[in-house]
Amino acid sequence: MKVLLINKFFYLKGGAERVFFQERDFLIRQGIKIVDFSMDYPENLPSDYAQHFVNGVDYHDSANIVCRLTQGVKSIHSPEAVRKIKKLLQEERPDIAHLHNIYHQLTPSILHVLKKKGVKTVLTLHDGKLVCPAYTMLDKGNLCLACDGKYYYLPVIRNCQESIAQGCLLMIEALWHKMFRSYENVDRFIAPSRFIADLISRRISKEKITILPNGVCHNSGVSSGEDGNYGLYFGRLSREKGIETLLRSHAATRNHFSLKIAGVGPLEEQLRSKYPAVEFMGHLSQQNLKPVIQRSSFVIVPSECYENCSMTVLEAMAFGKPVIGSRIGGIPEQIEDQKSGLLFEPGSVDDLKDKLEILGQNVDYRHFLGRNARQKLAREYSFEKHGVGLLKIYDQLLADS
């Protein structure tokens, strides 16, 4: 079997790339021939197929209006990506193409090429792009599912991105790929959560969607029982991640524990000055982050956006740490309330404060929840189980050929 793996970033940019590279490493270990297709960036990891990569695109890098318009058109249809993938397919002739994030840079136009060449295609749904042109499912920072996979004019009318020009591009992009049925060329969609499967089924037939949760290697974290008496948040410092709700909640507690924040983002400077009692650790590499998770008492995921299958939750579970998570998106699928962690209402300072105090004061209880969390990870979210499920999807597609 030869598998073409496609993602617009070929370095560890975020959770989608973590999943992408985990699967890539797994397939290589299984002796499967892997072909890469991505964009060319200085941060890229090594690939034998880098000469086929599309030139890197940064849509925020040019102030020139002509350049911005040109880039806008290419975010809908990339002639370079179409041309280069045609050449790659001709040379490598893969059996299956597995795509992750492709929109705006590689563009869904490459799906037509794959279909024409008879390559079976799998697309992992990392976000709500198929039902929300902006993919974030947010309107000026507030939850929004108004487009519903069909009302693509709403980004302009509602100005949800606070930019009419950007709204117009998102509308045109969505209408273009709807009109040309780009996503209809996908043979199988992988949904990492029931939440995203139900959401995308508003546009795509449920029969084409397989739920396959993200996974983490059970041995990637070591449950040593260390407890440094601090809560930990690691992730982007932005409004939709609920970081300020967390900080306000922590400030209102009786401070039985300290709080550490690992990550960067647009709110970092403001939050550092507003909450001096909190330890802001900045960006930490995966290697440097691991011991911080290992020594934590619990992890907080206070998202106020529709999370899919949070890798943050899984990474905490791998270390045997309970998670206090907001009851939103796919998070309640990962956390069993009062069994392997605690859930709270997203955006509620009082509810989160109560949950912080429960774990902050009760060492035995948080260790009990942490042990259950690690057991749940081994049972439902191990990468070994994920890998078996992935190969089953591939085999089924090839058997249907």
Protein backbone atom coordinates (compact mmCIF):
# COMPACT_ATOMS: atom_id res chain seq x y z
CA MET A 1 0.00 0.00 0.00
CA LYS A 2 1.20 3.50 -0.83
CA VAL A 3 -0.39 6.46 0.98
CA LEU A 4 -0.17 10.11 0.00
CA LEU A 5 -0.37 12.28 3.15
CA ILE A 6 -1.45 15.88 2.62
CA ASN A 7 -1.43 18.79 5.08
CA LYS A 8 -0.71 22.45 4.43
CA PHE A 9 1.89 22.64 7.22
CA PHE A 10 4.78 20.19 7.47
CA TYR A 11 5.90 21.20 10.93
CA LEU A 12 4.30 21.03 14.38
CA LYS A 13 2.12 24.13 14.16
CA GLY A 14 -0.85 22.88 16.17
CA GLY A 15 -3.04 19.98 17.17
CA ALA A 16 -3.89 19.01 13.59
CA GLU A 17 -0.20 18.67 12.78
CA ARG A 18 0.37 16.60 15.91
CA VAL A 19 -2.25 14.13 14.64
CA PHE A 20 -0.81 14.26 11.11
CA PHE A 21 2.73 13.40 12.19
CA GLN A 22 1.61 10.75 14.66
CA GLU A 23 -0.25 8.96 11.87
CA ARG A 24 2.66 9.41 9.48
CA ASP A 25 5.10 7.83 11.94
CA PHE A 26 2.68 4.99 12.63
CA LEU A 27 2.21 4.18 8.94
CA ILE A 28 5.97 4.19 8.35
CA ARG A 29 6.41 1.75 11.26
CA GLN A 30 3.81 -0.50 9.60
CA GLY A 31 6.02 -0.66 6.50
CA ILE A 32 3.61 1.42 4.41
CA LYS A 33 5.16 3.62 1.74
CA ILE A 34 4.46 7.29 2.50
CA VAL A 35 4.42 10.19 0.03
CA ASP A 36 4.22 13.77 1.40
CA PHE A 37 2.50 16.84 -0.06
CA SER A 38 2.52 20.17 1.75
CA MET A 39 3.79 23.76 1.61
CA ASP A 40 7.43 24.78 1.69
CA TYR A 41 8.38 26.58 4.91
CA PRO A 42 11.76 27.07 6.63
CA GLU A 43 10.36 25.31 9.73
CA ASN A 44 9.47 22.14 7.79
CA LEU A 45 10.62 18.74 8.93
CA PRO A 46 12.64 16.70 6.40
CA SER A 47 10.80 15.01 3.53
CA ASP A 48 12.00 13.13 0.47
CA TYR A 49 9.22 14.88 -1.47
CA ALA A 50 9.98 18.49 -0.50
CA GLN A 51 10.71 19.38 -4.14
CA HIS A 52 7.02 18.81 -4.87
CA PHE A 53 5.79 21.12 -2.12
CA VAL A 54 3.84 24.28 -2.92
CA ASN A 55 5.51 27.62 -2.17
CA GLY A 56 4.72 28.83 1.35
CA VAL A 57 1.92 31.39 1.62
CA ASP A 58 1.44 34.00 4.35
CA TYR A 59 -1.80 35.91 3.83
CA HIS A 60 -0.83 38.52 6.41
CA ASP A 61 2.64 39.23 5.04
CA SER A 62 1.87 41.78 2.31
CA ALA A 63 0.35 45.24 2.58
CA ASN A 64 0.20 45.58 -1.21
CA ILE A 65 -3.44 45.49 -2.29
CA VAL A 66 -2.64 43.75 -5.60
CA CYS A 67 -0.68 41.03 -3.80
CA ARG A 68 -3.48 40.58 -1.30
CA LEU A 69 -6.07 40.23 -4.07
CA THR A 70 -3.88 37.71 -5.90
CA GLN A 71 -3.40 35.72 -2.72
CA GLY A 72 -7.14 35.90 -2.09
CA VAL A 73 -7.91 34.30 -5.45
CA LYS A 74 -5.29 31.61 -4.86
CA SER A 75 -6.89 30.82 -1.47
CA ILE A 76 -9.92 29.59 -3.43
CA HIS A 77 -8.10 27.74 -6.20
CA SER A 78 -4.35 27.16 -6.23
CA PRO A 79 -3.07 26.48 -9.78
CA GLU A 80 0.35 25.68 -8.34
CA ALA A 81 -1.03 23.04 -5.97
CA VAL A 82 -3.08 21.47 -8.77
CA ARG A 83 -0.10 21.40 -11.13
CA LYS A 84 2.32 19.96 -8.58
CA ILE A 85 0.00 17.28 -7.25
CA LYS A 86 -0.71 16.14 -10.81
CA LYS A 87 3.01 15.63 -11.34
CA LEU A 88 3.40 13.87 -7.98
CA LEU A 89 0.52 11.50 -8.72
CA GLN A 90 1.95 10.67 -12.11
CA GLU A 91 5.32 9.80 -10.57
CA GLU A 92 4.18 7.99 -7.40
CA ARG A 93 0.71 6.53 -8.18
CA PRO A 94 -0.51 6.21 -4.55
CA ASP A 95 -3.40 3.95 -3.59
CA ILE A 96 -4.87 6.31 -1.02
CA ALA A 97 -4.63 10.04 -0.30
CA HIS A 98 -5.24 11.06 3.31
CA LEU A 99 -5.83 14.79 3.67
CA HIS A 100 -5.87 16.88 6.82
CA ASN A 101 -5.99 20.71 6.65
CA ILE A 102 -5.85 21.86 3.02
CA TYR A 103 -8.06 24.94 2.68
CA HIS A 104 -6.77 28.47 1.91
CA GLN A 105 -3.29 27.29 0.85
CA LEU A 106 -3.44 23.93 -0.94
CA THR A 107 -7.21 24.41 -1.50
CA PRO A 108 -9.91 21.75 -2.06
CA SER A 109 -9.26 22.05 -5.82
CA ILE A 110 -6.73 19.22 -5.46
CA LEU A 111 -9.62 16.88 -4.59
CA HIS A 112 -10.77 16.99 -8.23
CA VAL A 113 -7.32 15.87 -9.37
CA LEU A 114 -7.28 12.96 -6.92
CA LYS A 115 -10.72 11.84 -8.05
CA LYS A 116 -9.81 12.04 -11.73
CA LYS A 117 -6.70 9.94 -11.12
CA GLY A 118 -8.74 7.28 -9.31
CA VAL A 119 -7.06 7.77 -5.93
CA LYS A 120 -9.22 6.87 -2.92
CA THR A 121 -9.43 9.88 -0.61
CA VAL A 122 -9.79 10.26 3.17
CA LEU A 123 -10.23 13.64 4.86
CA THR A 124 -9.86 14.17 8.61
CA LEU A 125 -12.24 16.80 9.97
CA HIS A 126 -10.13 18.91 12.32
CA ASP A 127 -12.64 21.77 12.48
CA GLY A 128 -15.99 23.01 11.18
CA LYS A 129 -14.83 24.29 7.79
CA LEU A 130 -17.45 22.35 5.82
CA VAL A 131 -20.30 24.10 7.64
CA CYS A 132 -18.59 27.38 8.60
CA PRO A 133 -16.67 29.29 5.90
CA ALA A 134 -14.44 30.78 8.63
CA TYR A 135 -13.93 27.27 10.16
CA THR A 136 -13.82 28.73 13.70
CA MET A 137 -17.62 28.69 14.22
CA LEU A 138 -17.32 32.09 15.88
CA ASP A 139 -19.00 35.42 15.15
CA LYS A 140 -16.88 38.23 16.61
CA GLY A 141 -15.68 35.79 19.22
CA ASN A 142 -19.11 34.37 20.05
CA LEU A 143 -20.33 30.86 19.23
CA CYS A 144 -22.03 30.69 15.83
CA LEU A 145 -23.36 27.92 13.57
CA ALA A 146 -25.60 30.18 11.49
CA CYS A 147 -24.10 29.30 8.09
CA ASP A 148 -25.14 25.67 8.65
CA GLY A 149 -23.26 24.42 5.61
CA LYS A 150 -25.45 26.41 3.18
CA TYR A 151 -25.97 30.09 4.12
CA TYR A 152 -22.55 31.16 2.90
CA TYR A 153 -23.48 34.81 2.45
CA LEU A 154 -23.67 35.34 6.21
CA PRO A 155 -19.95 36.16 6.74
CA VAL A 156 -20.61 39.29 4.65
CA ILE A 157 -24.01 40.21 6.09
CA ARG A 158 -23.02 39.56 9.71
CA ASN A 159 -19.39 40.65 9.23
CA CYS A 160 -18.46 37.86 11.63
CA GLN A 161 -14.72 38.26 10.99
CA GLU A 162 -14.92 42.05 11.39
CA SER A 163 -13.59 42.45 7.85
CA ILE A 164 -15.95 42.76 4.88
CA ALA A 165 -13.12 41.91 2.47
CA GLN A 166 -12.31 38.72 4.36
CA GLY A 167 -16.01 37.89 4.62
CA CYS A 168 -16.39 38.24 0.85
CA LEU A 169 -13.47 35.90 0.20
CA LEU A 170 -14.83 33.31 2.62
CA MET A 171 -18.25 33.52 0.97
CA ILE A 172 -16.84 33.15 -2.54
CA GLU A 173 -14.59 30.28 -1.48
CA ALA A 174 -17.47 28.38 0.12
CA LEU A 175 -19.82 28.97 -2.82
CA TRP A 176 -17.11 28.01 -5.34
CA HIS A 177 -16.40 24.63 -3.74
CA LYS A 178 -20.10 24.02 -3.17
CA MET A 179 -20.87 24.75 -6.83
CA PHE A 180 -18.04 22.56 -8.10
CA ARG A 181 -18.79 19.87 -5.49
CA SER A 182 -15.18 19.70 -4.35
CA TYR A 183 -15.82 17.86 -1.09
CA GLU A 184 -18.09 15.37 -2.83
CA ASN A 185 -14.87 13.90 -4.25
CA VAL A 186 -13.89 12.64 -0.78
CA ASP A 187 -14.58 8.93 -0.27
CA ARG A 188 -14.41 8.88 3.53
CA PHE A 189 -14.44 11.58 6.22
CA ILE A 190 -12.83 10.88 9.60
CA ALA A 191 -14.48 12.64 12.55
CA PRO A 192 -12.38 12.69 15.74
CA SER A 193 -15.53 13.25 17.85
CA ARG A 194 -19.25 12.55 17.75
CA PHE A 195 -19.74 16.29 18.04
CA ILE A 196 -17.93 17.07 14.77
CA ALA A 197 -19.53 14.07 13.04
CA ASP A 198 -23.02 15.33 13.88
CA LEU A 199 -22.08 18.86 12.87
CA ILE A 200 -20.63 17.94 9.48
CA SER A 201 -23.54 15.58 8.76
CA ARG A 202 -25.57 18.75 8.16
CA ARG A 203 -23.75 18.88 4.83
CA ILE A 204 -22.22 15.43 4.26
CA SER A 205 -24.08 12.11 4.34
CA LYS A 206 -23.54 10.27 7.64
CA GLU A 207 -22.70 7.14 5.66
CA LYS A 208 -19.47 8.81 4.50
CA ILE A 209 -18.35 9.77 8.02
CA THR A 210 -16.43 7.45 10.36
CA ILE A 211 -15.82 8.45 13.97
CA LEU A 212 -12.19 7.79 14.89
CA PRO A 213 -11.03 9.69 18.00
CA ASN A 214 -7.56 11.17 18.15
CA GLY A 215 -5.09 9.10 20.10
CA VAL A 216 -2.03 9.52 22.29
CA CYS A 217 0.56 6.86 22.94
CA HIS A 218 -0.25 5.44 26.36
CA ASN A 219 3.43 5.62 27.32
CA SER A 220 3.91 9.21 26.08
CA GLY A 221 3.24 10.42 29.63
CA VAL A 222 4.53 8.93 32.86
CA SER A 223 2.04 8.81 35.73
CA SER A 224 4.61 9.27 38.49
CA GLY A 225 2.22 10.59 41.12
CA GLU A 226 4.09 13.91 41.30
CA ASP A 227 1.93 16.79 42.46
CA GLY A 228 3.40 20.27 42.57
CA ASN A 229 0.19 21.84 43.92
CA TYR A 230 -0.49 23.92 40.83
CA GLY A 231 -3.09 24.03 38.12
CA LEU A 232 -1.85 24.21 34.53
CA TYR A 233 -3.17 25.73 31.34
CA PHE A 234 -1.23 25.13 28.12
CA GLY A 235 -2.39 26.49 24.81
CA ARG A 236 -3.08 29.67 22.91
CA LEU A 237 -3.70 32.86 24.89
CA SER A 238 -6.77 34.10 23.04
CA ARG A 239 -10.34 34.95 23.92
CA GLU A 240 -11.98 31.85 22.42
CA LYS A 241 -9.79 29.58 24.54
CA GLY A 242 -11.38 30.97 27.71
CA ILE A 243 -8.06 32.01 29.22
CA GLU A 244 -9.40 35.16 30.89
CA THR A 245 -12.33 33.25 32.38
CA LEU A 246 -9.75 30.93 33.94
CA LEU A 247 -7.66 33.80 35.31
CA ARG A 248 -10.68 35.56 36.77
CA SER A 249 -11.83 32.30 38.35
CA HIS A 250 -8.42 31.62 39.86
CA ALA A 251 -8.24 35.15 41.27
CA ALA A 252 -11.59 34.56 43.01
CA THR A 253 -10.50 31.30 44.70
CA ARG A 254 -9.05 31.04 48.19
CA ASN A 255 -5.70 30.28 46.49
CA HIS A 256 -4.95 26.82 47.87
CA PHE A 257 -2.81 26.31 44.77
CA SER A 258 -0.84 28.30 42.22
CA LEU A 259 -1.56 28.59 38.50
CA LYS A 260 0.90 28.21 35.62
CA ILE A 261 0.19 29.34 32.07
CA ALA A 262 2.22 27.90 29.17
CA GLY A 263 1.66 29.42 25.74
CA VAL A 264 1.59 32.63 23.76
CA GLY A 265 -1.07 34.59 21.92
CA PRO A 266 -2.66 38.00 21.34
CA LEU A 267 -3.75 38.44 24.98
CA GLU A 268 -0.39 37.57 26.54
CA GLU A 269 0.92 41.04 27.33
CA GLN A 270 -2.42 42.26 28.65
CA LEU A 271 -2.91 39.22 30.87
CA ARG A 272 0.62 39.28 32.25
CA SER A 273 0.12 42.83 33.55
CA LYS A 274 -3.41 42.19 34.83
CA TYR A 275 -2.64 38.95 36.71
CA PRO A 276 0.87 39.30 38.21
CA ALA A 277 0.29 36.50 40.74
CA VAL A 278 0.06 33.93 37.94
CA GLU A 279 3.21 32.38 36.44
CA PHE A 280 3.30 32.94 32.68
CA MET A 281 5.87 30.54 31.20
CA GLY A 282 5.65 31.63 27.55
CA HIS A 283 6.08 29.14 24.72
CA LEU A 284 7.40 25.74 25.77
CA SER A 285 8.63 23.08 23.39
CA GLN A 286 6.99 19.67 23.70
CA GLN A 287 10.09 18.41 25.48
CA ASN A 288 10.05 21.25 28.02
CA LEU A 289 6.28 21.08 28.48
CA LYS A 290 6.19 17.42 29.49
CA PRO A 291 7.78 17.81 32.96
CA VAL A 292 5.50 20.78 33.66
CA ILE A 293 2.45 18.60 32.95
CA GLN A 294 3.94 15.72 34.94
CA ARG A 295 4.38 17.85 38.07
CA SER A 296 1.00 19.58 37.80
CA SER A 297 -1.97 18.79 40.05
CA PHE A 298 -4.55 19.15 37.29
CA VAL A 299 -4.99 20.73 33.86
CA ILE A 300 -7.64 23.26 32.86
CA VAL A 301 -9.19 23.44 29.37
CA PRO A 302 -11.59 26.42 29.64
CA SER A 303 -12.45 26.70 25.92
CA GLU A 304 -15.29 28.95 24.81
CA CYS A 305 -15.18 27.67 21.24
CA TYR A 306 -16.28 24.35 19.76
CA GLU A 307 -13.36 22.03 20.46
CA ASN A 308 -13.22 18.80 18.47
CA CYS A 309 -11.15 16.07 20.16
CA SER A 310 -8.74 18.09 22.28
CA MET A 311 -5.15 16.91 22.22
CA THR A 312 -4.57 18.98 25.38
CA VAL A 313 -7.08 16.82 27.24
CA LEU A 314 -5.47 13.62 25.94
CA GLU A 315 -1.95 14.75 26.82
CA ALA A 316 -3.04 15.52 30.37
CA MET A 317 -4.76 12.12 30.66
CA ALA A 318 -1.57 10.40 29.50
CA PHE A 319 0.19 11.81 32.58
CA GLY A 320 -2.66 10.71 34.85
CA LYS A 321 -3.84 14.28 35.40
CA PRO A 322 -7.50 15.16 35.83
CA VAL A 323 -8.85 17.88 33.54
CA ILE A 324 -11.30 20.62 34.39
CA GLY A 325 -12.92 21.22 31.01
CA SER A 326 -15.74 23.32 29.65
CA ARG A 327 -18.89 21.51 28.65
CA ILE A 328 -18.62 22.36 24.95
CA GLY A 329 -17.98 20.63 21.62
CA GLY A 330 -16.24 17.28 21.96
CA ILE A 331 -14.76 17.88 25.43
CA PRO A 332 -17.63 16.14 27.32
CA GLU A 333 -16.90 13.01 25.26
CA GLN A 334 -13.36 12.96 26.63
CA ILE A 335 -14.05 13.86 30.26
CA GLU A 336 -16.42 11.82 32.42
CA ASP A 337 -17.67 14.39 34.91
CA GLN A 338 -16.69 13.49 38.49
CA LYS A 339 -15.16 10.21 37.28
CA SER A 340 -12.07 11.20 35.27
CA GLY A 341 -12.29 14.98 35.53
CA LEU A 342 -14.71 17.84 36.08
CA LEU A 343 -16.89 19.78 33.65
CA PHE A 344 -18.12 23.36 33.98
CA GLU A 345 -20.30 25.70 31.96
CA PRO A 346 -18.14 27.57 29.40
CA GLY A 347 -17.60 31.21 30.29
CA SER A 348 -18.90 30.80 33.87
CA VAL A 349 -16.39 32.30 36.31
CA ASP A 350 -18.36 31.06 39.33
CA ASP A 351 -18.73 27.49 38.07
CA LEU A 352 -15.06 27.23 37.15
CA LYS A 353 -14.04 28.79 40.49
CA ASP A 354 -16.01 26.07 42.31
CA LYS A 355 -14.32 23.31 40.30
CA LEU A 356 -10.88 24.83 40.86
CA GLU A 357 -11.47 24.92 44.61
CA ILE A 358 -12.70 21.31 44.67
CA LEU A 359 -9.47 20.02 43.11
CA GLY A 360 -7.28 22.66 44.71
CA GLN A 361 -8.31 21.55 48.20
CA ASN A 362 -8.64 17.79 47.73
CA VAL A 363 -5.40 16.01 46.85
CA ASP A 364 -6.83 12.50 47.16
CA TYR A 365 -9.77 13.32 44.90
CA ARG A 366 -7.62 14.74 42.13
CA HIS A 367 -5.36 11.67 42.28
CA PHE A 368 -8.44 9.44 42.07
CA LEU A 369 -9.71 11.34 39.00
CA GLY A 370 -6.23 11.27 37.45
CA ARG A 371 -5.94 7.49 37.74
CA ASN A 372 -9.35 7.11 36.10
CA ALA A 373 -8.34 9.54 33.36
CA ARG A 374 -5.26 7.49 32.50
CA GLN A 375 -7.35 4.31 32.43
CA LYS A 376 -9.87 5.97 30.13
CA LEU A 377 -7.05 7.04 27.82
CA ALA A 378 -5.74 3.48 27.60
CA ARG A 379 -9.24 2.15 27.00
CA GLU A 380 -10.60 4.68 24.49
CA TYR A 381 -7.90 7.06 23.27
CA SER A 382 -4.72 5.03 22.91
CA PHE A 383 -2.88 5.67 19.68
CA GLU A 384 -2.60 1.93 19.15
CA LYS A 385 -6.40 1.76 18.91
CA HIS A 386 -6.42 4.81 16.64
CA GLY A 387 -3.87 3.21 14.32
CA VAL A 388 -5.86 -0.01 14.00
CA GLY A 389 -8.96 2.02 13.16
CA LEU A 390 -7.09 4.03 10.55
CA LEU A 391 -5.79 0.93 8.76
CA LYS A 392 -9.30 -0.54 8.80
CA ILE A 393 -10.61 2.55 6.99
CA TYR A 394 -7.86 2.27 4.38
CA ASP A 395 -8.50 -1.45 3.85
CA GLN A 396 -12.25 -0.91 3.46
CA LEU A 397 -11.71 1.79 0.84
CA LEU A 398 -9.34 -0.37 -1.18
CA ALA A 399 -11.68 -3.36 -0.91
CA ASP A 400 -14.46 -1.21 -2.41
CA SER A 401 -12.32 -0.26 -5.40
